[in-house]
Amino acid sequence: NLLHSSNLISSAVFILLAKKQHFLTLCRWGAMAVTGGMILYSLSSSPTVSLISAFAIGISLGCVNIGILFPYTFTMNNTERLYATVGSHILINIIMLFLSGNPENALKSNAKMLLSFLILVVSLCSIFFFKKDAVLSDVEKDPAERQNTLVKSPRLAPGVYLTLILHCIYVVLCKGVGKGIFNIVTQSVGHVHFILFYGGGLIGCFALLSLYALTKKSTMWVWNLTFGCVVMAFLFKAVSDQLPGMAFLFSLFLGVSSTTGMINVYYIMGVIANKYNSMHYLRMSIIFIGITGGIAGVATGNLIQKINTYTLSGIATIVSAFILLLFMILSPSLSRHLYHNEWARDSEYIDVDNDTDYIFKQYGLSKRELEVCKLLLQGYTLRQISAMLSIAYSTVNTYCTAIYRKLEINSRTELLIMFKDI
């Protein structure tokens, strides 16, 4: 809990103080501090030194988390962002299955520490491949356009901030109430429940990928799956005193909902912050998820562990009914502000088209100019492009002028003729 709580608080502090252009410094210094803390923790035999090392590791991990969050949000396209999030959760669940699957605890503590340290070092090595200007938008790199664009760019609609409330509700329910009940359930036959929990996490990863590949309004389907599994998990726990086998289904369904929910939280956060180029939304997300959701979740989970089993079943039933009623009440507003918003449409675009990107980049088009050029070729007007990209009309006009100049043409007709085979 110390490591987890210090990580959450550290992330919230660093996201408030850090700027995008400092992400590489955060990553490198944080990585060195984490490595040093892990070495000190492994070699120390003093409980006090181990406690201080764990606290330092938590703070350093928060620094690294925020440093990595900037390129995740402002550099990756939607496909890269989705696969990065799903891939990391698949890896986490596989490793935890490996560590938790042996009831005899064949892996000793030192071996687990060594494995964790090796995985951490390999992950941190990827930082050396980061580029310094990767997270800056084209406007931020060009001082001549910066002031004009930032002043005239549309602000986030108030409804977008409903996502923060939804994410907090999920974190408290799954990472707080759900995890607290899960910790009590695992006291009897822990390894079986751990296998089911992390196995459910793997099922959730592949179910989420299938939903994004096969359905429209994918975020809606994923949240329905997540909260549906949460409700089922609590219902299974509520009847587990009469039917003990239901406790195993509780662990499985909680594992599915925990994984799909966290993937959706970070994916949606990245999509919205990237679309509006909004550090404000990113900061609010981390603070709400980390402080309000995370710490409240940990406190709720610790409180639940002190409650007897009979009371726990009653709590599970009440929580299930509360979730169902809450979503019945909020569903019209959620549908209007979350699932039919312009960022929700963006979340369904894969943004990967390497062949055409290569053709455009031969002419030195920037990332934003590339987006505008593609929309021009699809027949959209400048005002439509302004609304779709959430940038000012005058800024779109500036991009068009730059595109025509770089392509050495004078009109959209020439642009259509030039790329008629794409």
Protein backbone atom coordinates (compact mmCIF):
# COMPACT_ATOMS: atom_id res chain seq x y z
CA ASN A 1 0.00 0.00 0.00
CA LEU A 2 2.91 2.37 0.71
CA LEU A 3 4.41 1.79 -2.73
CA HIS A 4 1.02 2.11 -4.44
CA SER A 5 -0.06 5.24 -2.54
CA SER A 6 3.30 7.01 -2.96
CA ASN A 7 3.17 6.20 -6.69
CA LEU A 8 -0.31 7.74 -7.02
CA ILE A 9 0.56 10.88 -5.06
CA SER A 10 3.86 11.28 -6.91
CA SER A 11 2.09 10.99 -10.28
CA ALA A 12 -0.40 13.68 -9.27
CA VAL A 13 2.38 16.04 -8.14
CA PHE A 14 4.55 15.52 -11.23
CA ILE A 15 1.64 15.97 -13.66
CA LEU A 16 0.96 19.39 -12.07
CA LEU A 17 4.57 20.56 -12.22
CA ALA A 18 5.89 18.96 -15.41
CA LYS A 19 5.72 20.32 -18.94
CA LYS A 20 5.53 18.23 -22.09
CA GLN A 21 8.99 19.21 -23.29
CA HIS A 22 10.49 17.90 -20.02
CA PHE A 23 9.25 14.33 -20.48
CA LEU A 24 12.65 12.94 -21.48
CA THR A 25 14.32 14.39 -18.38
CA LEU A 26 11.56 12.96 -16.18
CA CYS A 27 11.92 9.52 -17.74
CA ARG A 28 15.70 9.31 -17.50
CA TRP A 29 16.12 10.66 -13.98
CA GLY A 30 13.13 8.67 -12.78
CA ALA A 31 14.50 5.49 -14.35
CA MET A 32 17.86 5.94 -12.64
CA ALA A 33 16.16 6.59 -9.29
CA VAL A 34 13.94 3.50 -9.66
CA THR A 35 16.95 1.32 -10.52
CA GLY A 36 18.91 2.65 -7.54
CA GLY A 37 15.95 2.14 -5.22
CA MET A 38 15.45 -1.44 -6.41
CA ILE A 39 19.14 -2.26 -5.84
CA LEU A 40 19.06 -0.72 -2.35
CA TYR A 41 15.83 -2.56 -1.50
CA SER A 42 17.28 -5.88 -2.67
CA LEU A 43 20.57 -5.58 -0.79
CA SER A 44 19.32 -4.05 2.45
CA SER A 45 18.51 -6.17 5.50
CA SER A 46 17.24 -3.24 7.58
CA PRO A 47 13.42 -2.81 7.71
CA THR A 48 13.81 0.97 7.94
CA VAL A 49 16.02 1.15 4.85
CA SER A 50 13.63 -1.18 2.98
CA LEU A 51 10.70 1.06 3.90
CA ILE A 52 12.51 4.20 2.73
CA SER A 53 13.57 2.41 -0.47
CA ALA A 54 9.98 1.35 -1.20
CA PHE A 55 8.79 4.93 -0.68
CA ALA A 56 11.55 6.26 -2.98
CA ILE A 57 10.69 3.65 -5.63
CA GLY A 58 7.03 4.71 -5.51
CA ILE A 59 7.94 8.39 -6.00
CA SER A 60 10.37 7.57 -8.82
CA LEU A 61 7.83 5.35 -10.57
CA GLY A 62 5.37 8.24 -10.47
CA CYS A 63 7.99 10.40 -12.19
CA VAL A 64 8.57 7.75 -14.88
CA ASN A 65 4.81 7.20 -15.31
CA ILE A 66 4.21 10.86 -16.10
CA GLY A 67 7.24 11.04 -18.38
CA ILE A 68 5.95 8.08 -20.40
CA LEU A 69 2.38 9.40 -20.31
CA PHE A 70 3.28 12.43 -22.46
CA PRO A 71 4.42 10.50 -25.59
CA TYR A 72 1.64 7.95 -24.99
CA THR A 73 -0.89 10.78 -25.16
CA PHE A 74 0.54 13.27 -27.65
CA THR A 75 2.65 11.12 -30.01
CA MET A 76 0.87 7.79 -30.52
CA ASN A 77 -2.07 7.43 -32.86
CA ASN A 78 -5.20 5.55 -31.75
CA THR A 79 -4.09 2.12 -32.94
CA GLU A 80 -0.69 2.42 -31.29
CA ARG A 81 -2.31 3.72 -28.11
CA LEU A 82 -4.86 0.89 -27.96
CA TYR A 83 -2.36 -1.89 -28.65
CA ALA A 84 0.17 -0.40 -26.21
CA THR A 85 -2.42 -0.37 -23.43
CA VAL A 86 -3.81 -3.83 -24.20
CA GLY A 87 -0.33 -5.28 -24.70
CA SER A 88 0.89 -4.00 -21.34
CA HIS A 89 -2.13 -5.51 -19.57
CA ILE A 90 -1.65 -8.84 -21.34
CA LEU A 91 1.97 -8.87 -20.17
CA ILE A 92 0.96 -7.96 -16.60
CA ASN A 93 -1.65 -10.72 -16.43
CA ILE A 94 0.70 -13.35 -17.88
CA ILE A 95 3.46 -12.46 -15.39
CA MET A 96 1.03 -12.45 -12.47
CA LEU A 97 -0.40 -15.82 -13.57
CA PHE A 98 3.14 -17.18 -13.60
CA LEU A 99 3.91 -15.80 -10.14
CA SER A 100 0.55 -16.69 -8.56
CA GLY A 101 -0.13 -20.05 -10.18
CA ASN A 102 2.00 -22.18 -7.85
CA PRO A 103 0.29 -22.98 -4.52
CA GLU A 104 3.60 -24.14 -3.03
CA ASN A 105 5.21 -20.76 -3.82
CA ALA A 106 8.08 -22.43 -5.65
CA LEU A 107 9.57 -19.10 -6.61
CA LYS A 108 11.32 -17.72 -3.57
CA SER A 109 11.17 -14.05 -2.68
CA ASN A 110 14.66 -13.34 -4.05
CA ALA A 111 13.81 -14.99 -7.37
CA LYS A 112 10.63 -12.90 -7.67
CA MET A 113 12.61 -9.76 -6.89
CA LEU A 114 15.20 -10.66 -9.54
CA LEU A 115 12.49 -11.32 -12.13
CA SER A 116 10.77 -8.01 -11.32
CA PHE A 117 14.09 -6.17 -11.53
CA LEU A 118 14.94 -7.68 -14.94
CA ILE A 119 11.52 -6.81 -16.37
CA LEU A 120 11.84 -3.27 -15.01
CA VAL A 121 15.32 -2.76 -16.50
CA VAL A 122 14.21 -4.02 -19.92
CA SER A 123 11.19 -1.68 -19.83
CA LEU A 124 13.24 1.34 -18.77
CA CYS A 125 15.76 0.75 -21.57
CA SER A 126 13.06 1.78 -24.07
CA ILE A 127 13.41 5.34 -22.75
CA PHE A 128 16.68 5.72 -24.67
CA PHE A 129 14.70 5.53 -27.94
CA PHE A 130 12.50 8.53 -27.08
CA LYS A 131 13.00 11.71 -29.10
CA LYS A 132 13.08 15.07 -27.37
CA ASP A 133 10.47 16.87 -29.52
CA ALA A 134 8.18 13.87 -30.00
CA VAL A 135 5.37 15.18 -27.77
CA LEU A 136 5.21 18.74 -29.14
CA SER A 137 2.57 19.60 -31.72
CA ASP A 138 3.59 21.31 -34.93
CA VAL A 139 2.12 24.59 -33.69
CA GLU A 140 4.12 24.40 -30.46
CA LYS A 141 7.30 23.88 -32.47
CA ASP A 142 6.58 26.97 -34.61
CA PRO A 143 6.64 30.20 -32.53
CA ALA A 144 5.13 32.18 -35.42
CA GLU A 145 1.86 30.22 -35.22
CA ARG A 146 1.76 29.44 -31.50
CA GLN A 147 0.00 32.50 -30.09
CA ASN A 148 -2.63 32.78 -32.83
CA THR A 149 -3.59 29.12 -32.63
CA LEU A 150 -3.70 28.79 -28.86
CA VAL A 151 -5.96 31.81 -28.51
CA LYS A 152 -8.46 30.76 -31.16
CA SER A 153 -8.58 27.00 -30.57
CA PRO A 154 -11.94 25.76 -29.22
CA ARG A 155 -12.08 24.75 -25.57
CA LEU A 156 -13.29 21.39 -24.31
CA ALA A 157 -17.04 21.07 -23.97
CA PRO A 158 -18.14 20.72 -20.33
CA GLY A 159 -19.72 17.34 -21.12
CA VAL A 160 -16.29 15.87 -21.83
CA TYR A 161 -15.47 16.16 -18.13
CA LEU A 162 -18.15 13.55 -17.41
CA THR A 163 -15.52 11.02 -18.42
CA LEU A 164 -13.56 11.95 -15.28
CA ILE A 165 -16.55 11.14 -13.07
CA LEU A 166 -17.12 7.85 -14.89
CA HIS A 167 -13.47 6.89 -14.48
CA CYS A 168 -13.52 7.72 -10.75
CA ILE A 169 -16.66 5.63 -10.20
CA TYR A 170 -14.98 2.71 -11.94
CA VAL A 171 -11.73 3.01 -9.94
CA VAL A 172 -13.54 3.15 -6.58
CA LEU A 173 -15.78 0.18 -7.45
CA CYS A 174 -13.19 -2.13 -9.02
CA LYS A 175 -9.91 -1.10 -7.42
CA GLY A 176 -11.50 -0.25 -4.07
CA VAL A 177 -14.65 -2.18 -3.18
CA GLY A 178 -13.97 -5.07 -5.56
CA LYS A 179 -10.31 -5.49 -4.61
CA GLY A 180 -11.13 -5.27 -0.89
CA ILE A 181 -13.67 -8.11 -1.21
CA PHE A 182 -11.23 -10.06 -3.40
CA ASN A 183 -8.50 -9.85 -0.73
CA ILE A 184 -10.89 -11.39 1.80
CA VAL A 185 -11.95 -14.16 -0.59
CA THR A 186 -8.32 -15.11 -1.32
CA GLN A 187 -7.56 -15.79 2.35
CA SER A 188 -8.91 -19.35 2.04
CA VAL A 189 -7.64 -20.73 -1.29
CA GLY A 190 -5.77 -17.74 -2.64
CA HIS A 191 -3.87 -19.23 -5.57
CA VAL A 192 -7.04 -20.51 -7.29
CA HIS A 193 -8.70 -17.11 -7.07
CA PHE A 194 -5.54 -15.37 -8.30
CA ILE A 195 -5.44 -17.68 -11.34
CA LEU A 196 -9.10 -16.93 -12.09
CA PHE A 197 -8.62 -13.18 -11.54
CA TYR A 198 -5.64 -12.83 -13.89
CA GLY A 199 -7.12 -15.36 -16.30
CA GLY A 200 -10.20 -13.14 -16.41
CA GLY A 201 -7.87 -10.24 -17.13
CA LEU A 202 -6.55 -12.04 -20.22
CA ILE A 203 -10.10 -12.82 -21.34
CA GLY A 204 -10.95 -9.13 -20.89
CA CYS A 205 -8.01 -8.05 -23.07
CA PHE A 206 -9.08 -10.22 -26.00
CA ALA A 207 -12.77 -9.35 -25.52
CA LEU A 208 -11.91 -5.64 -25.66
CA LEU A 209 -9.85 -6.06 -28.84
CA SER A 210 -12.77 -7.94 -30.41
CA LEU A 211 -15.23 -5.19 -29.50
CA TYR A 212 -13.02 -2.46 -30.97
CA ALA A 213 -12.50 -4.52 -34.12
CA LEU A 214 -16.10 -5.62 -34.71
CA THR A 215 -18.41 -2.92 -33.33
CA LYS A 216 -19.18 0.76 -33.68
CA LYS A 217 -19.44 2.91 -30.54
CA SER A 218 -16.80 0.60 -29.09
CA THR A 219 -16.28 2.64 -25.91
CA MET A 220 -19.97 2.19 -25.07
CA TRP A 221 -19.75 -1.58 -25.51
CA VAL A 222 -16.57 -1.81 -23.45
CA TRP A 223 -18.05 0.20 -20.57
CA ASN A 224 -21.21 -1.93 -20.71
CA LEU A 225 -19.03 -5.05 -20.54
CA THR A 226 -16.97 -3.59 -17.68
CA PHE A 227 -19.83 -2.52 -15.44
CA GLY A 228 -21.90 -5.57 -16.39
CA CYS A 229 -19.07 -7.80 -15.16
CA VAL A 230 -18.74 -5.71 -11.98
CA VAL A 231 -22.43 -6.18 -11.21
CA MET A 232 -22.25 -9.93 -11.91
CA ALA A 233 -19.13 -10.25 -9.73
CA PHE A 234 -20.84 -8.60 -6.74
CA LEU A 235 -23.98 -10.71 -7.25
CA PHE A 236 -21.89 -13.89 -7.30
CA LYS A 237 -20.23 -12.80 -4.06
CA ALA A 238 -23.61 -12.03 -2.49
CA VAL A 239 -24.80 -15.65 -2.97
CA SER A 240 -21.43 -17.30 -2.29
CA ASP A 241 -22.37 -18.09 1.33
CA GLN A 242 -25.17 -20.36 0.08
CA LEU A 243 -23.29 -21.49 -3.06
CA PRO A 244 -19.53 -21.47 -2.31
CA GLY A 245 -18.60 -22.15 -5.93
CA MET A 246 -19.89 -18.71 -6.88
CA ALA A 247 -16.84 -17.15 -5.21
CA PHE A 248 -14.73 -18.48 -8.08
CA LEU A 249 -17.00 -16.76 -10.61
CA PHE A 250 -16.66 -13.58 -8.55
CA SER A 251 -12.87 -13.65 -9.05
CA LEU A 252 -13.18 -14.38 -12.78
CA PHE A 253 -15.68 -11.60 -13.53
CA LEU A 254 -13.84 -9.10 -11.34
CA GLY A 255 -10.65 -9.86 -13.30
CA VAL A 256 -12.43 -9.17 -16.60
CA SER A 257 -13.90 -5.86 -15.42
CA SER A 258 -10.67 -4.67 -13.76
CA THR A 259 -8.68 -5.10 -16.96
CA THR A 260 -11.19 -3.81 -19.52
CA GLY A 261 -11.96 -0.80 -17.34
CA MET A 262 -8.33 0.26 -16.86
CA ILE A 263 -7.60 -0.13 -20.57
CA ASN A 264 -10.62 2.00 -21.45
CA VAL A 265 -9.71 4.66 -18.85
CA TYR A 266 -6.22 5.23 -20.25
CA TYR A 267 -7.26 4.86 -23.89
CA ILE A 268 -10.08 7.42 -23.62
CA MET A 269 -7.85 9.77 -21.62
CA GLY A 270 -5.24 9.62 -24.41
CA VAL A 271 -7.80 10.11 -27.20
CA ILE A 272 -9.39 13.20 -25.61
CA ALA A 273 -6.16 14.87 -24.48
CA ASN A 274 -4.58 14.28 -27.90
CA LYS A 275 -7.60 15.51 -29.86
CA TYR A 276 -7.79 18.82 -27.99
CA ASN A 277 -4.03 18.99 -27.29
CA SER A 278 -5.14 19.58 -23.71
CA MET A 279 -2.68 19.39 -20.84
CA HIS A 280 -5.49 20.64 -18.58
CA TYR A 281 -7.64 17.56 -19.27
CA LEU A 282 -4.65 15.25 -18.85
CA ARG A 283 -3.79 16.82 -15.49
CA MET A 284 -7.39 16.63 -14.30
CA SER A 285 -7.57 12.97 -15.34
CA ILE A 286 -4.47 11.93 -13.40
CA ILE A 287 -5.52 13.92 -10.33
CA PHE A 288 -9.07 12.53 -10.38
CA ILE A 289 -7.98 8.95 -11.06
CA GLY A 290 -4.94 9.03 -8.79
CA ILE A 291 -6.09 11.08 -5.81
CA THR A 292 -9.89 10.88 -5.80
CA GLY A 293 -10.24 7.45 -7.36
CA GLY A 294 -7.03 5.66 -6.41
CA ILE A 295 -6.58 6.75 -2.80
CA ALA A 296 -10.33 6.61 -2.10
CA GLY A 297 -10.31 3.14 -3.63
CA VAL A 298 -7.40 1.97 -1.45
CA ALA A 299 -9.05 3.40 1.69
CA THR A 300 -12.38 1.74 0.83
CA GLY A 301 -10.65 -1.58 0.16
CA ASN A 302 -8.81 -1.46 3.50
CA LEU A 303 -12.06 -0.65 5.31
CA ILE A 304 -13.90 -3.55 3.69
CA GLN A 305 -11.22 -6.03 4.79
CA LYS A 306 -12.19 -5.33 8.43
CA ILE A 307 -15.83 -6.32 7.87
CA ASN A 308 -17.19 -9.81 8.61
CA THR A 309 -18.33 -12.13 5.83
CA TYR A 310 -22.08 -11.86 6.49
CA THR A 311 -21.99 -8.06 6.31
CA LEU A 312 -19.80 -8.33 3.20
CA SER A 313 -22.49 -10.25 1.29
CA GLY A 314 -25.00 -7.54 2.14
CA ILE A 315 -22.60 -4.83 0.96
CA ALA A 316 -22.05 -6.70 -2.31
CA THR A 317 -25.81 -6.86 -2.93
CA ILE A 318 -26.31 -3.16 -2.18
CA VAL A 319 -23.38 -2.15 -4.41
CA SER A 320 -24.77 -4.23 -7.30
CA ALA A 321 -28.18 -2.56 -7.01
CA PHE A 322 -26.53 0.87 -6.70
CA ILE A 323 -24.55 0.38 -9.93
CA LEU A 324 -27.64 -0.71 -11.87
CA LEU A 325 -29.71 2.24 -10.61
CA LEU A 326 -26.90 4.71 -11.23
CA PHE A 327 -26.51 3.68 -14.83
CA MET A 328 -30.25 3.71 -15.46
CA ILE A 329 -30.32 7.32 -14.20
CA LEU A 330 -27.17 8.48 -16.01
CA SER A 331 -27.60 6.57 -19.28
CA PRO A 332 -29.28 9.43 -21.26
CA SER A 333 -26.56 11.90 -20.26
CA LEU A 334 -23.77 9.38 -20.79
CA SER A 335 -25.10 8.51 -24.23
CA ARG A 336 -25.31 12.16 -25.30
CA HIS A 337 -22.02 13.41 -23.86
CA LEU A 338 -19.78 10.35 -24.03
CA TYR A 339 -20.81 7.99 -26.79
CA HIS A 340 -21.99 10.50 -29.41
CA ASN A 341 -19.36 13.17 -28.81
CA GLU A 342 -16.80 14.08 -31.48
CA TRP A 343 -13.94 12.54 -29.49
CA ALA A 344 -15.91 9.26 -29.35
CA ARG A 345 -15.98 9.23 -33.15
CA ASP A 346 -12.23 9.84 -33.14
CA SER A 347 -11.68 6.84 -30.86
CA GLU A 348 -12.90 4.56 -33.66
CA TYR A 349 -10.34 5.82 -36.21
CA ILE A 350 -7.20 3.72 -36.49
CA ASP A 351 -5.01 6.51 -37.91
CA VAL A 352 -2.59 4.05 -39.51
CA ASP A 353 -1.99 4.35 -43.24
CA ASN A 354 1.73 3.98 -43.79
CA ASP A 355 1.71 3.98 -47.58
CA THR A 356 -0.10 7.30 -48.00
CA ASP A 357 1.77 8.82 -45.06
CA TYR A 358 5.04 8.03 -46.80
CA ILE A 359 3.85 9.72 -50.01
CA PHE A 360 2.79 12.90 -48.18
CA LYS A 361 5.90 13.11 -46.02
CA GLN A 362 8.11 13.17 -49.11
CA TYR A 363 6.88 16.74 -49.46
CA GLY A 364 7.79 17.64 -45.87
CA LEU A 365 4.22 17.88 -44.54
CA SER A 366 3.93 18.06 -40.77
CA LYS A 367 1.61 15.79 -38.79
CA ARG A 368 -1.20 18.36 -38.62
CA GLU A 369 -0.76 19.36 -42.27
CA LEU A 370 -1.03 15.67 -43.11
CA GLU A 371 -4.37 15.42 -41.27
CA VAL A 372 -5.72 18.53 -43.02
CA CYS A 373 -4.52 17.31 -46.43
CA LYS A 374 -6.27 13.94 -46.03
CA LEU A 375 -9.53 15.66 -45.07
CA LEU A 376 -9.24 18.01 -48.06
CA LEU A 377 -8.88 15.00 -50.34
CA GLN A 378 -12.02 13.49 -48.77
CA GLY A 379 -13.99 16.58 -49.82
CA TYR A 380 -14.45 18.36 -46.48
CA THR A 381 -14.67 22.16 -46.39
CA LEU A 382 -12.33 24.28 -44.27
CA ARG A 383 -15.07 24.93 -41.70
CA GLN A 384 -15.84 21.20 -41.45
CA ILE A 385 -12.14 20.46 -40.96
CA SER A 386 -11.98 23.17 -38.29
CA ALA A 387 -14.79 21.47 -36.35
CA MET A 388 -13.43 17.94 -36.85
CA LEU A 389 -9.92 18.79 -35.65
CA SER A 390 -11.09 21.30 -33.01
CA ILE A 391 -8.84 24.07 -34.30
CA ALA A 392 -9.69 27.59 -35.45
CA TYR A 393 -10.81 28.26 -39.03
CA SER A 394 -7.94 30.70 -39.56
CA THR A 395 -5.50 28.01 -38.44
CA VAL A 396 -6.92 25.53 -40.96
CA ASN A 397 -6.53 28.18 -43.65
CA THR A 398 -2.89 28.65 -42.60
CA TYR A 399 -2.29 24.90 -42.88
CA CYS A 400 -3.89 24.84 -46.37
CA THR A 401 -1.63 27.65 -47.52
CA ALA A 402 1.41 25.78 -46.19
CA ILE A 403 0.28 22.56 -47.90
CA TYR A 404 -0.19 24.25 -51.28
CA ARG A 405 3.19 25.95 -50.95
CA LYS A 406 5.02 22.72 -50.13
CA LEU A 407 3.26 20.83 -52.93
CA GLU A 408 3.83 23.74 -55.34
CA ILE A 409 0.15 23.96 -56.32
CA ASN A 410 -2.47 26.72 -56.15
CA SER A 411 -5.87 25.09 -55.61
CA ARG A 412 -7.77 22.08 -54.26
CA THR A 413 -8.46 20.96 -57.83
CA GLU A 414 -4.73 20.60 -58.42
CA LEU A 415 -4.47 18.75 -55.09
CA LEU A 416 -7.16 16.24 -56.14
CA ILE A 417 -5.49 15.69 -59.51
CA MET A 418 -2.08 15.28 -57.90
CA PHE A 419 -3.28 12.52 -55.55
CA LYS A 420 -6.04 10.99 -57.66
CA ASP A 421 -4.52 7.49 -57.39
CA ILE A 422 -4.44 7.42 -53.57
